[in-house]
Amino acid sequence: MSKKNNIKTLDQFVDEQYGEKGTPKRDKFEKGYEAFKLGFLIQQARLEKGLTQEELAQRCGTNKGYISKIENNIKEVRISTLQKIVELGLGGHLELSIKL
């Protein structure tokens, strides 16, 4: 069997490892991924602005440890706090959507 036959798409891999969409194991995985993605997006925006975690924390009225925990997916963030981080800290605009 050639290696080409063993190549899978990301969707195929996730289906195999975590089950089909809508199953409890898959839902848990996707919830964790979304939390990770949020922290990563905040970190990338902070770095693009050339800010340290301390500088971002000062701008939005929190502390460096809290920013670090959000970026490293250790702490969940409230929407109101996320809005302060994005708008006051990063000078951006927070947009949320709901997909059904």
N, C-alpha and C. Protein backbone atom coordinates (compact mmCIF):
# COMPACT_ATOMS: atom_id res chain seq x y z
N MET A 1 0.85 -1.18 0.00
CA MET A 1 0.00 0.00 0.00
C MET A 1 0.89 1.23 0.00
N SER A 2 0.63 2.14 -0.88
CA SER A 2 1.44 3.34 -0.95
C SER A 2 1.01 4.33 0.12
N LYS A 3 1.90 5.27 0.42
CA LYS A 3 1.61 6.29 1.43
C LYS A 3 0.45 7.18 1.00
N LYS A 4 0.27 7.36 -0.30
CA LYS A 4 -0.82 8.20 -0.79
C LYS A 4 -2.17 7.70 -0.28
N ASN A 5 -2.34 6.40 -0.18
CA ASN A 5 -3.61 5.83 0.27
C ASN A 5 -3.86 6.07 1.75
N ASN A 6 -2.84 6.40 2.51
CA ASN A 6 -2.99 6.64 3.93
C ASN A 6 -3.24 8.11 4.25
N ILE A 7 -3.20 8.97 3.29
CA ILE A 7 -3.40 10.40 3.51
C ILE A 7 -4.90 10.66 3.71
N LYS A 8 -5.19 11.42 4.77
CA LYS A 8 -6.58 11.74 5.09
C LYS A 8 -6.73 13.25 5.19
N THR A 9 -7.92 13.71 4.94
CA THR A 9 -8.20 15.12 5.16
C THR A 9 -8.33 15.34 6.66
N LEU A 10 -8.27 16.59 7.07
CA LEU A 10 -8.45 16.92 8.48
C LEU A 10 -9.83 16.47 8.96
N ASP A 11 -10.85 16.69 8.13
CA ASP A 11 -12.21 16.27 8.50
C ASP A 11 -12.29 14.76 8.70
N GLN A 12 -11.65 14.00 7.84
CA GLN A 12 -11.65 12.55 7.99
C GLN A 12 -10.95 12.12 9.27
N PHE A 13 -9.82 12.75 9.56
CA PHE A 13 -9.07 12.43 10.78
C PHE A 13 -9.90 12.73 12.02
N VAL A 14 -10.52 13.92 12.05
CA VAL A 14 -11.33 14.30 13.21
C VAL A 14 -12.53 13.36 13.36
N ASP A 15 -13.16 12.99 12.25
CA ASP A 15 -14.28 12.03 12.31
C ASP A 15 -13.82 10.71 12.92
N GLU A 16 -12.66 10.23 12.51
CA GLU A 16 -12.15 8.96 13.04
C GLU A 16 -11.79 9.05 14.52
N GLN A 17 -11.15 10.14 14.90
CA GLN A 17 -10.66 10.28 16.27
C GLN A 17 -11.74 10.68 17.26
N TYR A 18 -12.69 11.51 16.83
CA TYR A 18 -13.66 12.10 17.76
C TYR A 18 -15.11 11.80 17.41
N GLY A 19 -15.35 11.06 16.34
CA GLY A 19 -16.71 10.70 15.96
C GLY A 19 -17.34 11.73 15.05
N GLU A 20 -18.53 11.41 14.61
CA GLU A 20 -19.27 12.28 13.71
C GLU A 20 -19.76 13.52 14.46
N LYS A 21 -20.03 14.59 13.72
CA LYS A 21 -20.59 15.81 14.31
C LYS A 21 -21.89 15.47 15.03
N GLY A 22 -22.04 16.07 16.21
CA GLY A 22 -23.25 15.83 17.00
C GLY A 22 -23.10 14.78 18.08
N THR A 23 -22.00 14.02 18.06
CA THR A 23 -21.78 13.04 19.12
C THR A 23 -21.12 13.74 20.32
N PRO A 24 -21.33 13.25 21.53
CA PRO A 24 -20.77 13.91 22.72
C PRO A 24 -19.25 14.11 22.65
N LYS A 25 -18.53 13.10 22.19
CA LYS A 25 -17.07 13.22 22.12
C LYS A 25 -16.66 14.30 21.13
N ARG A 26 -17.33 14.36 20.00
CA ARG A 26 -17.03 15.36 18.97
C ARG A 26 -17.38 16.76 19.48
N ASP A 27 -18.54 16.89 20.14
CA ASP A 27 -18.94 18.19 20.68
C ASP A 27 -17.93 18.71 21.69
N LYS A 28 -17.42 17.83 22.54
CA LYS A 28 -16.42 18.23 23.53
C LYS A 28 -15.14 18.69 22.84
N PHE A 29 -14.72 17.96 21.82
CA PHE A 29 -13.53 18.34 21.06
C PHE A 29 -13.71 19.70 20.42
N GLU A 30 -14.84 19.92 19.76
CA GLU A 30 -15.07 21.18 19.06
C GLU A 30 -15.17 22.37 20.02
N LYS A 31 -15.75 22.16 21.19
CA LYS A 31 -15.82 23.23 22.18
C LYS A 31 -14.40 23.62 22.63
N GLY A 32 -13.56 22.63 22.88
CA GLY A 32 -12.17 22.89 23.26
C GLY A 32 -11.40 23.60 22.16
N TYR A 33 -11.65 23.22 20.92
CA TYR A 33 -10.99 23.85 19.79
C TYR A 33 -11.37 25.32 19.68
N GLU A 34 -12.65 25.63 19.87
CA GLU A 34 -13.09 27.01 19.78
C GLU A 34 -12.44 27.87 20.86
N ALA A 35 -12.32 27.33 22.07
CA ALA A 35 -11.66 28.07 23.15
C ALA A 35 -10.19 28.30 22.82
N PHE A 36 -9.53 27.28 22.28
CA PHE A 36 -8.12 27.42 21.89
C PHE A 36 -7.98 28.47 20.80
N LYS A 37 -8.89 28.43 19.84
CA LYS A 37 -8.82 29.35 18.71
C LYS A 37 -8.97 30.80 19.18
N LEU A 38 -9.84 31.04 20.12
CA LEU A 38 -10.05 32.39 20.63
C LEU A 38 -8.77 32.92 21.27
N GLY A 39 -8.15 32.12 22.13
CA GLY A 39 -6.90 32.54 22.76
C GLY A 39 -5.81 32.82 21.73
N PHE A 40 -5.74 31.97 20.73
CA PHE A 40 -4.74 32.13 19.67
C PHE A 40 -4.98 33.41 18.88
N LEU A 41 -6.25 33.70 18.58
CA LEU A 41 -6.58 34.92 17.84
C LEU A 41 -6.21 36.17 18.63
N ILE A 42 -6.48 36.16 19.93
CA ILE A 42 -6.10 37.30 20.78
C ILE A 42 -4.59 37.47 20.78
N GLN A 43 -3.88 36.37 20.93
CA GLN A 43 -2.42 36.45 20.95
C GLN A 43 -1.87 36.99 19.63
N GLN A 44 -2.40 36.52 18.52
CA GLN A 44 -1.92 36.97 17.22
C GLN A 44 -2.21 38.45 17.02
N ALA A 45 -3.39 38.90 17.42
CA ALA A 45 -3.73 40.33 17.29
C ALA A 45 -2.82 41.17 18.17
N ARG A 46 -2.54 40.69 19.38
CA ARG A 46 -1.65 41.42 20.29
C ARG A 46 -0.26 41.54 19.69
N LEU A 47 0.25 40.46 19.14
CA LEU A 47 1.58 40.48 18.54
C LEU A 47 1.63 41.38 17.31
N GLU A 48 0.56 41.37 16.51
CA GLU A 48 0.51 42.26 15.33
C GLU A 48 0.54 43.72 15.74
N LYS A 49 -0.03 44.04 16.89
CA LYS A 49 -0.03 45.41 17.41
C LYS A 49 1.28 45.74 18.11
N GLY A 50 2.16 44.75 18.27
CA GLY A 50 3.44 44.97 18.94
C GLY A 50 3.31 45.19 20.44
N LEU A 51 2.29 44.59 21.03
CA LEU A 51 2.05 44.76 22.46
C LEU A 51 2.52 43.56 23.26
N THR A 52 2.97 43.83 24.47
CA THR A 52 3.24 42.74 25.42
C THR A 52 1.93 42.40 26.11
N GLN A 53 1.90 41.28 26.80
CA GLN A 53 0.71 40.93 27.57
C GLN A 53 0.44 42.00 28.64
N GLU A 54 1.49 42.51 29.24
CA GLU A 54 1.36 43.56 30.26
C GLU A 54 0.73 44.82 29.67
N GLU A 55 1.19 45.24 28.50
CA GLU A 55 0.64 46.44 27.86
C GLU A 55 -0.83 46.24 27.49
N LEU A 56 -1.17 45.07 26.96
CA LEU A 56 -2.56 44.79 26.63
C LEU A 56 -3.42 44.81 27.88
N ALA A 57 -2.94 44.19 28.94
CA ALA A 57 -3.67 44.15 30.21
C ALA A 57 -3.93 45.56 30.73
N GLN A 58 -2.94 46.42 30.69
CA GLN A 58 -3.10 47.80 31.17
C GLN A 58 -4.15 48.54 30.36
N ARG A 59 -4.15 48.35 29.06
CA ARG A 59 -5.09 49.05 28.19
C ARG A 59 -6.54 48.66 28.47
N CYS A 60 -6.76 47.42 28.88
CA CYS A 60 -8.14 46.97 29.06
C CYS A 60 -8.52 46.75 30.52
N GLY A 61 -7.65 47.15 31.44
CA GLY A 61 -8.00 47.13 32.85
C GLY A 61 -7.94 45.78 33.53
N THR A 62 -7.03 44.94 33.11
CA THR A 62 -6.86 43.64 33.75
C THR A 62 -5.39 43.44 34.06
N ASN A 63 -4.95 42.21 34.26
CA ASN A 63 -3.54 41.98 34.56
C ASN A 63 -2.92 40.99 33.58
N LYS A 64 -1.61 40.97 33.55
CA LYS A 64 -0.86 40.14 32.61
C LYS A 64 -1.21 38.67 32.75
N GLY A 65 -1.36 38.20 33.99
CA GLY A 65 -1.68 36.80 34.22
C GLY A 65 -2.99 36.38 33.59
N TYR A 66 -3.97 37.26 33.64
CA TYR A 66 -5.28 36.97 33.06
C TYR A 66 -5.17 36.86 31.53
N ILE A 67 -4.46 37.79 30.92
CA ILE A 67 -4.25 37.75 29.46
C ILE A 67 -3.53 36.46 29.08
N SER A 68 -2.52 36.09 29.85
CA SER A 68 -1.77 34.87 29.58
C SER A 68 -2.68 33.64 29.66
N LYS A 69 -3.54 33.60 30.66
CA LYS A 69 -4.44 32.45 30.82
C LYS A 69 -5.43 32.35 29.66
N ILE A 70 -5.89 33.48 29.18
CA ILE A 70 -6.81 33.46 28.03
C ILE A 70 -6.06 32.98 26.79
N GLU A 71 -4.88 33.52 26.55
CA GLU A 71 -4.11 33.14 25.36
C GLU A 71 -3.71 31.67 25.38
N ASN A 72 -3.54 31.12 26.57
CA ASN A 72 -3.10 29.72 26.69
C ASN A 72 -4.25 28.76 27.00
N ASN A 73 -5.48 29.24 26.82
CA ASN A 73 -6.68 28.42 26.98
C ASN A 73 -6.79 27.81 28.38
N ILE A 74 -6.36 28.55 29.38
CA ILE A 74 -6.46 28.09 30.76
C ILE A 74 -7.69 28.70 31.42
N LYS A 75 -8.08 29.86 30.96
CA LYS A 75 -9.20 30.60 31.56
C LYS A 75 -10.22 30.95 30.48
N GLU A 76 -11.50 30.74 30.80
CA GLU A 76 -12.55 31.17 29.89
C GLU A 76 -12.75 32.67 30.09
N VAL A 77 -13.17 33.34 29.05
CA VAL A 77 -13.33 34.78 29.10
C VAL A 77 -14.80 35.15 28.89
N ARG A 78 -15.28 36.08 29.69
CA ARG A 78 -16.64 36.57 29.52
C ARG A 78 -16.70 37.46 28.29
N ILE A 79 -17.87 37.53 27.68
CA ILE A 79 -18.02 38.33 26.46
C ILE A 79 -17.72 39.80 26.75
N SER A 80 -18.15 40.30 27.90
CA SER A 80 -17.88 41.71 28.23
C SER A 80 -16.38 41.98 28.36
N THR A 81 -15.66 41.02 28.93
CA THR A 81 -14.21 41.17 29.06
C THR A 81 -13.54 41.04 27.70
N LEU A 82 -14.01 40.12 26.89
CA LEU A 82 -13.48 39.95 25.54
C LEU A 82 -13.66 41.24 24.75
N GLN A 83 -14.81 41.87 24.91
CA GLN A 83 -15.06 43.13 24.21
C GLN A 83 -14.07 44.20 24.64
N LYS A 84 -13.76 44.28 25.94
CA LYS A 84 -12.77 45.25 26.42
C LYS A 84 -11.39 44.96 25.84
N ILE A 85 -11.03 43.70 25.81
CA ILE A 85 -9.71 43.32 25.28
C ILE A 85 -9.61 43.74 23.81
N VAL A 86 -10.64 43.40 23.04
CA VAL A 86 -10.61 43.68 21.60
C VAL A 86 -10.70 45.18 21.33
N GLU A 87 -11.64 45.85 21.97
CA GLU A 87 -11.89 47.26 21.64
C GLU A 87 -10.93 48.21 22.34
N LEU A 88 -10.79 48.09 23.65
CA LEU A 88 -9.89 48.99 24.38
C LEU A 88 -8.43 48.59 24.23
N GLY A 89 -8.18 47.31 24.35
CA GLY A 89 -6.80 46.83 24.33
C GLY A 89 -6.17 46.78 22.95
N LEU A 90 -6.95 46.32 21.98
CA LEU A 90 -6.40 46.11 20.64
C LEU A 90 -6.89 47.13 19.62
N GLY A 91 -7.85 47.96 20.01
CA GLY A 91 -8.36 48.97 19.08
C GLY A 91 -9.18 48.39 17.95
N GLY A 92 -9.77 47.23 18.19
CA GLY A 92 -10.56 46.57 17.15
C GLY A 92 -12.04 46.63 17.45
N HIS A 93 -12.78 45.79 16.75
CA HIS A 93 -14.23 45.71 16.92
C HIS A 93 -14.60 44.24 17.02
N LEU A 94 -15.32 43.88 18.08
CA LEU A 94 -15.73 42.50 18.29
C LEU A 94 -17.02 42.21 17.54
N GLU A 95 -17.02 41.15 16.75
CA GLU A 95 -18.21 40.70 16.05
C GLU A 95 -18.46 39.26 16.44
N LEU A 96 -19.68 38.95 16.82
CA LEU A 96 -20.07 37.60 17.18
C LEU A 96 -21.12 37.12 16.19
N SER A 97 -21.19 35.81 16.00
CA SER A 97 -22.24 35.25 15.16
C SER A 97 -22.72 33.96 15.79
N ILE A 98 -23.92 33.60 15.45
CA ILE A 98 -24.51 32.34 15.90
C ILE A 98 -24.84 31.54 14.65
N LYS A 99 -24.34 30.31 14.61
CA LYS A 99 -24.61 29.43 13.47
C LYS A 99 -25.52 28.31 13.95
N LEU A 100 -26.58 28.09 13.22
CA LEU A 100 -27.54 27.04 13.57
C LEU A 100 -27.48 25.91 12.58
